[in-house]
Amino acid sequence: MDHFLYKDGVLHAEDVSIPEIAAAVGTPFYVYSTATLTRHFALFQEALDGLPHLVCFAIKSNSNLAVLKTLGDLGAGMDVVSGGEYLRAKAAGVPGERIVFSGVGKTREEIHLALTGGIRQFNVESEPEMRVISAVASELGLEAPIALRVNPDVDAKTHEKIATGKSENKFGIPIAKARAAYAEAASLPGIKVVGVDVHIGSQLTDLEPFGAAFLKVRELTQQLRADGHNIIRLDLGGGLGIPYTRSNEAPPLPLDYGAVIKRTVGDLGCEIEIEPGRLISGNAGILVTSVIYLKEGEGRDFLIVDAAMNDLVRPSMYGAHHDIVPVVEPAPGTEARPYDVVGPVCETGDTFAKGRMITPLGADDLVAFRSAGAYGAVMASEYNSRPLIPEVMVNGDQFAVIRRRPSFEEMLARDTIPEWL
């Protein structure tokens, strides 16, 4: 469920009409719903009710400070994968004890930053990384809490570019080598083993892979405890998918996901950490764009909009689907037509949809791409020297620009021409 609904024939974000925002900031822009973010976070809290737990929002899905503060104020932890994301979490007011640092390539500088600024734990991806964390922590006279990320070799049954739990993926330590890695961790100075981490992929629409992975984590936890390790936390990652279409085939609910966790590892006495991103932010945001031209092609019509692949790269990168709807609700009985929805970037890949059935539109009409709150603005670029687009947040009948569109002068000022030119 989200809070983007038609009211009196016009699409609204909560109680604010989309045309009102468009008039204020221009198109294209992203808009996020506070009510949807709040509701989706609450669903995960409810799903883990009865277990000691921390829901850590995956910042990589949406890193805007207003989004992070909204969730942090609700008690969310943060899952970060870079020094920049760590600083964003801190800037949003989230304390270090609620920040988990993941990612396969942590640098000495990032490890130093997190240790001195405060960190709940590092999710360690390899033995060499573990040794560097030990060295940095020892130099600082600190102790680094860690969980080793194990790769359970479980097929997440998702897109190959976002699967992370199979043996050929770059993530984690093979689960067969985990006990040896934990033995080394226990011998290193500046290291405190606190848990086990696993994450098998993103946009999962089937609970079976989760169950298979969590049972492997259960078995490993029991073995590690028998080896003398004090395993007090299980970080089970994120990955639960969202409905990108308005079909009847919806992914499992957080409550179902929570039931799998309780059934597989709920009796181990561990604090449970999860790292949802997409399911919290995905349907909490839309991308709003304007039609520039309607172009009649050979056997097909092109709807050319002012958003492009640099603003929303998911369709080009993953072949991802986003529902595309007119902001002004079509009159009952209006017949839809097939359009290729494309942007103005000089790439054939700048295509959002092919043959998509949409009611007829014309120049300057507003169009919304649903389910764009995750991996939208965070993956945007200035390709073709197109400015990053505004982000807007709505709260009831209020809205605010939470990232403005930079001017061309600001973009050009970042470049420096050397003296010899």
Protein backbone atom coordinates (compact mmCIF):
# COMPACT_ATOMS: atom_id res chain seq x y z
CA MET A 1 0.00 0.00 0.00
CA ASP A 2 1.13 3.57 -0.65
CA HIS A 3 -0.30 7.05 -0.28
CA PHE A 4 -0.34 8.10 -3.94
CA LEU A 5 -4.01 8.15 -4.86
CA TYR A 6 -6.36 9.96 -7.22
CA LYS A 7 -8.54 12.57 -5.52
CA ASP A 8 -11.12 14.43 -7.61
CA GLY A 9 -9.44 13.04 -10.70
CA VAL A 10 -5.90 14.22 -9.86
CA LEU A 11 -3.03 12.15 -8.46
CA HIS A 12 -2.04 13.22 -4.94
CA ALA A 13 0.87 12.46 -2.65
CA GLU A 14 -1.02 12.13 0.63
CA ASP A 15 -3.00 15.41 0.66
CA VAL A 16 -0.88 17.37 -1.81
CA SER A 17 -1.71 17.37 -5.50
CA ILE A 18 1.10 16.43 -7.86
CA PRO A 19 0.40 19.40 -10.19
CA GLU A 20 0.89 21.76 -7.23
CA ILE A 21 4.38 20.33 -6.64
CA ALA A 22 5.17 20.39 -10.36
CA ALA A 23 4.25 24.07 -10.54
CA ALA A 24 6.59 24.83 -7.64
CA VAL A 25 9.69 22.81 -8.62
CA GLY A 26 9.34 21.94 -12.30
CA THR A 27 9.69 18.49 -13.82
CA PRO A 28 11.10 15.94 -13.53
CA PHE A 29 11.21 15.38 -9.76
CA TYR A 30 10.95 12.66 -7.13
CA VAL A 31 8.37 12.87 -4.36
CA TYR A 32 8.29 10.75 -1.21
CA SER A 33 5.43 10.06 1.20
CA THR A 34 6.16 10.27 4.92
CA ALA A 35 3.04 8.22 5.71
CA THR A 36 4.19 5.37 3.46
CA LEU A 37 7.73 5.33 4.88
CA THR A 38 6.28 5.26 8.39
CA ARG A 39 3.81 2.51 7.62
CA HIS A 40 6.34 0.25 5.92
CA PHE A 41 8.84 0.59 8.76
CA ALA A 42 6.08 -0.26 11.23
CA LEU A 43 5.29 -3.44 9.30
CA PHE A 44 8.80 -4.76 9.92
CA GLN A 45 8.64 -3.79 13.58
CA GLU A 46 5.38 -5.74 13.85
CA ALA A 47 6.84 -8.70 11.97
CA LEU A 48 9.62 -9.13 14.53
CA ASP A 49 7.48 -8.41 17.57
CA GLY A 50 8.41 -10.79 20.38
CA LEU A 51 12.07 -11.02 19.37
CA PRO A 52 14.87 -8.67 20.41
CA HIS A 53 15.60 -6.91 17.14
CA LEU A 54 16.79 -3.87 15.23
CA VAL A 55 15.41 -2.89 11.82
CA CYS A 56 18.30 -1.24 9.94
CA PHE A 57 17.26 0.69 6.84
CA ALA A 58 19.52 -0.03 3.85
CA ILE A 59 20.70 3.48 2.99
CA LYS A 60 21.79 2.43 -0.48
CA SER A 61 18.13 2.30 -1.51
CA ASN A 62 17.47 5.96 -0.66
CA SER A 63 20.05 8.14 1.06
CA ASN A 64 18.25 11.48 1.31
CA LEU A 65 18.79 12.97 4.77
CA ALA A 66 15.08 13.73 5.22
CA VAL A 67 14.20 10.09 4.53
CA LEU A 68 16.91 8.89 6.93
CA LYS A 69 15.83 11.27 9.69
CA THR A 70 12.19 10.25 9.26
CA LEU A 71 13.11 6.61 9.81
CA GLY A 72 15.80 7.26 12.40
CA ASP A 73 13.34 9.22 14.53
CA LEU A 74 11.09 6.15 14.46
CA GLY A 75 13.92 4.08 15.96
CA ALA A 76 15.41 2.59 12.80
CA GLY A 77 19.01 1.57 12.62
CA MET A 78 20.98 2.13 9.43
CA ASP A 79 22.85 -0.30 7.18
CA VAL A 80 25.68 1.53 5.40
CA VAL A 81 28.10 0.40 2.71
CA SER A 82 30.46 3.38 2.47
CA GLY A 83 32.01 6.14 4.53
CA GLY A 84 29.69 8.61 2.85
CA GLU A 85 26.61 6.64 3.86
CA TYR A 86 27.98 6.40 7.41
CA LEU A 87 28.29 10.20 7.53
CA ARG A 88 24.77 10.55 6.14
CA ALA A 89 23.39 8.34 8.90
CA LYS A 90 25.20 10.38 11.55
CA ALA A 91 24.05 13.66 9.94
CA ALA A 92 20.46 12.38 10.16
CA GLY A 93 20.90 11.96 13.92
CA VAL A 94 21.30 8.17 14.03
CA PRO A 95 23.79 7.17 16.76
CA GLY A 96 26.69 4.87 16.02
CA GLU A 97 25.25 2.06 18.12
CA ARG A 98 22.42 1.79 15.56
CA ILE A 99 24.69 1.74 12.47
CA VAL A 100 25.87 -1.48 10.83
CA PHE A 101 28.69 -1.23 8.26
CA SER A 102 28.42 -3.70 5.37
CA GLY A 103 30.11 -3.81 1.95
CA VAL A 104 32.88 -5.83 0.32
CA GLY A 105 35.55 -3.15 0.00
CA LYS A 106 35.85 -1.19 3.23
CA THR A 107 38.99 0.96 3.22
CA ARG A 108 41.27 1.70 6.17
CA GLU A 109 39.93 5.27 6.13
CA GLU A 110 36.31 4.08 6.32
CA ILE A 111 37.10 1.64 9.12
CA HIS A 112 38.88 4.40 11.05
CA LEU A 113 35.91 6.72 10.50
CA ALA A 114 33.42 4.22 11.87
CA LEU A 115 35.55 3.14 14.84
CA THR A 116 36.17 6.70 15.98
CA GLY A 117 32.60 7.83 15.29
CA GLY A 118 30.90 4.81 16.84
CA ILE A 119 29.63 1.63 15.19
CA ARG A 120 27.30 -1.19 16.14
CA GLN A 121 29.25 -3.74 14.13
CA PHE A 122 31.15 -4.37 10.94
CA ASN A 123 29.74 -7.08 8.70
CA VAL A 124 33.05 -8.55 7.54
CA GLU A 125 33.20 -9.86 3.97
CA SER A 126 36.65 -11.53 3.87
CA GLU A 127 39.60 -12.62 5.96
CA PRO A 128 41.88 -9.85 4.58
CA GLU A 129 39.28 -7.24 5.57
CA MET A 130 39.07 -8.74 9.04
CA ARG A 131 42.84 -8.39 9.46
CA VAL A 132 42.74 -4.74 8.39
CA ILE A 133 39.93 -4.02 10.87
CA SER A 134 42.05 -5.69 13.56
CA ALA A 135 45.05 -3.55 12.66
CA VAL A 136 43.12 -0.27 12.60
CA ALA A 137 41.30 -1.04 15.85
CA SER A 138 44.59 -1.98 17.55
CA GLU A 139 46.24 1.24 16.40
CA LEU A 140 43.35 3.18 17.94
CA GLY A 141 43.29 1.13 21.13
CA LEU A 142 39.68 0.15 20.39
CA GLU A 143 37.73 -3.07 19.98
CA ALA A 144 35.79 -3.58 16.75
CA PRO A 145 32.56 -5.59 17.03
CA ILE A 146 32.19 -7.86 14.00
CA ALA A 147 29.88 -10.37 12.38
CA LEU A 148 31.26 -12.42 9.51
CA ARG A 149 29.12 -12.41 6.41
CA VAL A 150 28.77 -15.99 5.26
CA ASN A 151 27.82 -16.97 1.74
CA PRO A 152 25.33 -19.85 2.07
CA ASP A 153 25.30 -20.75 -1.66
CA VAL A 154 21.53 -20.30 -1.87
CA ASP A 155 19.83 -19.28 -5.12
CA ALA A 156 17.71 -16.24 -4.31
CA LYS A 157 15.73 -16.64 -7.58
CA THR A 158 16.09 -12.98 -8.44
CA HIS A 159 17.80 -10.86 -11.13
CA GLU A 160 21.40 -11.96 -11.68
CA LYS A 161 22.72 -8.46 -10.99
CA ILE A 162 21.18 -8.33 -7.50
CA ALA A 163 21.73 -11.94 -6.39
CA THR A 164 24.38 -12.08 -3.65
CA GLY A 165 24.12 -15.46 -1.94
CA LYS A 166 25.49 -17.95 -4.48
CA SER A 167 29.03 -19.29 -4.43
CA GLU A 168 30.00 -17.42 -7.62
CA ASN A 169 28.96 -14.05 -6.16
CA LYS A 170 31.60 -11.70 -4.71
CA PHE A 171 29.91 -11.43 -1.33
CA GLY A 172 30.84 -13.07 1.95
CA ILE A 173 32.95 -15.97 3.13
CA PRO A 174 31.96 -19.46 1.90
CA ILE A 175 29.98 -21.04 4.69
CA ALA A 176 32.22 -24.13 4.56
CA LYS A 177 35.17 -21.92 5.56
CA ALA A 178 33.30 -19.97 8.22
CA ARG A 179 34.47 -21.88 11.30
CA ALA A 180 38.12 -21.41 10.34
CA ALA A 181 37.51 -17.70 9.71
CA TYR A 182 35.83 -17.31 13.11
CA ALA A 183 38.75 -19.11 14.77
CA GLU A 184 41.13 -16.59 13.21
CA ALA A 185 38.87 -13.70 14.27
CA ALA A 186 38.99 -14.90 17.88
CA SER A 187 42.79 -14.84 17.77
CA LEU A 188 43.11 -11.30 16.40
CA PRO A 189 43.66 -8.27 18.63
CA GLY A 190 41.10 -5.46 18.53
CA ILE A 191 38.33 -7.80 17.34
CA LYS A 192 35.19 -8.81 19.20
CA VAL A 193 33.02 -11.46 17.53
CA VAL A 194 29.35 -10.70 18.15
CA GLY A 195 27.37 -12.40 15.39
CA VAL A 196 26.74 -13.98 12.02
CA ASP A 197 25.64 -12.08 8.92
CA VAL A 198 23.93 -13.30 5.75
CA HIS A 199 22.30 -11.55 2.80
CA ILE A 200 21.30 -13.46 -0.33
CA GLY A 201 19.94 -10.82 -2.70
CA SER A 202 17.35 -8.18 -3.46
CA GLN A 203 13.77 -8.13 -4.77
CA LEU A 204 13.02 -11.67 -3.57
CA THR A 205 9.40 -12.67 -4.12
CA ASP A 206 9.63 -16.18 -2.66
CA LEU A 207 10.25 -16.96 1.02
CA GLU A 208 11.82 -20.38 0.38
CA PRO A 209 15.37 -19.04 -0.26
CA PHE A 210 15.22 -17.07 2.98
CA GLY A 211 14.24 -20.17 4.92
CA ALA A 212 17.03 -22.22 3.34
CA ALA A 213 19.64 -19.57 4.13
CA PHE A 214 18.44 -19.01 7.69
CA LEU A 215 18.54 -22.76 8.45
CA LYS A 216 22.19 -22.78 7.36
CA VAL A 217 22.84 -19.82 9.64
CA ARG A 218 21.13 -21.69 12.47
CA GLU A 219 23.38 -24.71 12.03
CA LEU A 220 26.49 -22.53 11.82
CA THR A 221 25.50 -20.59 14.95
CA GLN A 222 25.20 -23.81 16.92
CA GLN A 223 28.59 -24.97 15.65
CA LEU A 224 30.25 -21.66 16.48
CA ARG A 225 28.82 -21.66 19.98
CA ALA A 226 30.16 -25.18 20.44
CA ASP A 227 33.54 -23.82 19.31
CA GLY A 228 33.38 -21.24 22.11
CA HIS A 229 32.22 -18.12 20.24
CA ASN A 230 29.67 -15.85 21.92
CA ILE A 231 27.17 -15.35 19.08
CA ILE A 232 24.61 -12.84 20.31
CA ARG A 233 23.35 -11.32 17.03
CA LEU A 234 22.13 -12.65 13.72
CA ASP A 235 22.10 -10.14 10.86
CA LEU A 236 19.74 -11.67 8.30
CA GLY A 237 20.08 -8.96 5.65
CA GLY A 238 17.20 -7.64 3.61
CA GLY A 239 15.94 -8.38 0.13
CA LEU A 240 12.18 -8.79 0.47
CA GLY A 241 10.62 -7.69 -2.82
CA ILE A 242 7.90 -5.15 -3.55
CA PRO A 243 5.02 -5.16 -6.05
CA TYR A 244 6.17 -3.11 -9.04
CA THR A 245 2.88 -3.76 -10.84
CA ARG A 246 -0.74 -3.47 -9.76
CA SER A 247 -1.35 -7.14 -10.46
CA ASN A 248 -2.82 -9.65 -8.02
CA GLU A 249 0.58 -11.37 -7.63
CA ALA A 250 2.02 -9.58 -4.60
CA PRO A 251 5.28 -10.60 -2.90
CA PRO A 252 5.12 -12.03 0.62
CA LEU A 253 4.31 -9.61 3.42
CA PRO A 254 6.79 -8.61 6.14
CA LEU A 255 4.63 -10.56 8.60
CA ASP A 256 5.24 -13.74 6.56
CA TYR A 257 8.95 -12.94 6.40
CA GLY A 258 9.01 -12.46 10.17
CA ALA A 259 7.32 -15.84 10.62
CA VAL A 260 10.14 -17.51 8.66
CA ILE A 261 12.71 -15.82 10.90
CA LYS A 262 10.90 -16.93 14.06
CA ARG A 263 10.51 -20.49 12.77
CA THR A 264 14.14 -20.95 11.72
CA VAL A 265 16.25 -18.97 14.21
CA GLY A 266 13.83 -17.44 16.69
CA ASP A 267 14.71 -19.86 19.51
CA LEU A 268 18.48 -19.22 19.45
CA GLY A 269 18.33 -16.33 21.91
CA CYS A 270 20.01 -13.95 19.47
CA GLU A 271 19.13 -10.36 18.73
CA ILE A 272 17.85 -10.23 15.16
CA GLU A 273 18.98 -7.53 12.75
CA ILE A 274 17.41 -7.08 9.34
CA GLU A 275 18.32 -4.60 6.61
CA PRO A 276 15.26 -3.80 4.46
CA GLY A 277 15.61 -0.99 1.96
CA ARG A 278 13.42 -1.43 -1.09
CA LEU A 279 10.31 -2.53 0.79
CA ILE A 280 10.46 0.54 3.04
CA SER A 281 11.29 3.17 0.42
CA GLY A 282 10.33 1.68 -2.96
CA ASN A 283 6.60 2.31 -3.00
CA ALA A 284 7.06 5.42 -0.86
CA GLY A 285 8.24 7.41 -3.86
CA ILE A 286 7.25 8.28 -7.42
CA LEU A 287 9.03 10.02 -10.28
CA VAL A 288 6.98 12.75 -11.95
CA THR A 289 7.79 13.82 -15.49
CA SER A 290 6.21 15.86 -18.30
CA VAL A 291 5.52 14.83 -21.86
CA ILE A 292 7.71 16.77 -24.30
CA TYR A 293 6.56 15.28 -27.60
CA LEU A 294 4.35 12.58 -29.02
CA LYS A 295 6.29 11.14 -31.96
CA GLU A 296 4.70 8.85 -34.51
CA GLY A 297 7.17 6.22 -35.65
CA GLU A 298 7.06 3.32 -38.08
CA GLY A 299 4.48 1.03 -36.53
CA ARG A 300 4.83 2.53 -33.06
CA ASP A 301 4.27 5.77 -31.17
CA PHE A 302 6.88 7.28 -28.87
CA LEU A 303 5.97 9.21 -25.76
CA ILE A 304 9.03 11.41 -25.17
CA VAL A 305 9.22 12.67 -21.56
CA ASP A 306 11.63 15.02 -19.81
CA ALA A 307 12.89 12.36 -17.37
CA ALA A 308 15.66 10.13 -18.67
CA MET A 309 17.81 7.12 -17.86
CA ASN A 310 20.18 9.34 -15.88
CA ASP A 311 17.25 10.16 -13.53
CA LEU A 312 15.92 6.58 -13.26
CA VAL A 313 18.35 3.96 -14.55
CA ARG A 314 16.55 0.80 -13.37
CA PRO A 315 14.65 0.07 -16.63
CA SER A 316 17.81 0.50 -18.69
CA MET A 317 20.11 -1.34 -16.28
CA TYR A 318 17.86 -4.17 -15.09
CA GLY A 319 14.99 -4.21 -17.58
CA ALA A 320 12.89 -3.17 -14.58
CA HIS A 321 9.17 -2.45 -14.77
CA HIS A 322 7.56 0.66 -13.28
CA ASP A 323 3.85 1.32 -13.62
CA ILE A 324 3.40 4.54 -15.62
CA VAL A 325 0.21 6.51 -14.98
CA PRO A 326 -1.19 9.90 -16.03
CA VAL A 327 -1.37 12.45 -13.22
CA VAL A 328 -4.83 13.52 -14.39
CA GLU A 329 -7.08 10.49 -14.14
CA PRO A 330 -8.50 9.44 -17.51
CA ALA A 331 -12.25 9.67 -17.99
CA PRO A 332 -14.07 6.34 -17.58
CA GLY A 333 -14.04 4.35 -20.78
CA THR A 334 -11.00 6.13 -22.25
CA GLU A 335 -9.21 3.62 -24.45
CA ALA A 336 -5.49 3.04 -23.81
CA ARG A 337 -2.95 2.90 -26.62
CA PRO A 338 0.51 1.31 -26.83
CA TYR A 339 3.43 3.72 -26.41
CA ASP A 340 7.17 3.36 -26.17
CA VAL A 341 7.97 5.67 -23.26
CA VAL A 342 11.41 7.19 -23.77
CA GLY A 343 13.59 10.00 -22.49
CA PRO A 344 15.71 12.61 -24.30
CA VAL A 345 19.16 11.12 -23.59
CA CYS A 346 21.12 10.19 -26.71
CA GLU A 347 20.99 6.43 -26.04
CA THR A 348 18.62 3.76 -27.35
CA GLY A 349 18.81 2.40 -23.80
CA ASP A 350 17.00 5.53 -22.62
CA THR A 351 13.73 3.62 -22.80
CA PHE A 352 11.40 3.22 -19.83
CA ALA A 353 8.81 0.94 -21.46
CA LYS A 354 7.97 -0.58 -24.83
CA GLY A 355 4.42 -0.99 -26.06
CA ARG A 356 3.03 0.14 -22.70
CA MET A 357 -0.75 0.60 -22.75
CA ILE A 358 -1.45 4.19 -21.62
CA THR A 359 -4.42 6.46 -22.21
CA PRO A 360 -3.63 9.15 -24.84
CA LEU A 361 -1.42 11.99 -23.64
CA GLY A 362 -0.12 15.19 -25.17
CA ALA A 363 2.66 17.74 -24.69
CA ASP A 364 3.03 19.10 -21.14
CA ASP A 365 0.83 16.40 -19.61
CA LEU A 366 2.20 15.05 -16.33
CA VAL A 367 3.06 11.38 -15.94
CA ALA A 368 4.08 9.44 -12.82
CA PHE A 369 6.39 6.45 -12.56
CA ARG A 370 5.28 4.47 -9.52
CA SER A 371 7.50 2.53 -7.10
CA ALA A 372 10.48 4.81 -7.73
CA GLY A 373 11.49 5.55 -4.14
CA ALA A 374 14.25 2.92 -4.05
CA TYR A 375 17.30 2.89 -6.32
CA GLY A 376 16.00 5.94 -8.16
CA ALA A 377 17.56 9.21 -7.02
CA VAL A 378 20.50 7.40 -5.41
CA MET A 379 21.57 5.93 -8.76
CA ALA A 380 21.03 9.12 -10.74
CA SER A 381 23.81 10.86 -12.65
CA GLU A 382 24.44 14.02 -14.66
CA TYR A 383 24.93 12.12 -17.92
CA ASN A 384 24.44 14.39 -20.96
CA SER A 385 25.09 17.28 -18.50
CA ARG A 386 21.55 16.95 -17.19
CA PRO A 387 21.18 18.34 -13.63
CA LEU A 388 20.20 15.99 -10.83
CA ILE A 389 16.48 16.41 -10.30
CA PRO A 390 14.75 17.68 -7.14
CA GLU A 391 13.54 15.42 -4.36
CA VAL A 392 10.42 16.44 -2.48
CA MET A 393 8.89 15.06 0.72
CA VAL A 394 5.21 15.24 1.60
CA ASN A 395 3.77 15.04 5.10
CA GLY A 396 -0.03 15.29 5.10
CA ASP A 397 -0.91 18.54 3.38
CA GLN A 398 2.66 19.91 3.51
CA PHE A 399 5.56 19.45 1.12
CA ALA A 400 9.17 20.54 1.12
CA VAL A 401 12.06 20.33 -1.33
CA ILE A 402 14.61 18.04 0.34
CA ARG A 403 17.16 18.24 -2.48
CA ARG A 404 17.04 21.09 -4.95
CA ARG A 405 17.95 21.00 -8.62
CA PRO A 406 21.47 22.45 -9.13
CA SER A 407 21.96 25.24 -11.64
CA PHE A 408 24.08 24.79 -14.74
CA GLU A 409 26.45 27.39 -13.28
CA GLU A 410 26.98 25.19 -10.20
CA MET A 411 27.61 22.16 -12.38
CA LEU A 412 30.17 23.99 -14.53
CA ALA A 413 31.89 25.46 -11.48
CA ARG A 414 32.91 21.98 -10.33
CA ASP A 415 35.23 21.64 -13.32
CA THR A 416 38.65 23.28 -13.42
CA ILE A 417 40.47 24.23 -16.60
CA PRO A 418 44.24 23.81 -16.17
CA GLU A 419 46.54 26.84 -16.48
CA TRP A 420 48.04 25.73 -19.78
CA LEU A 421 44.71 25.98 -21.61
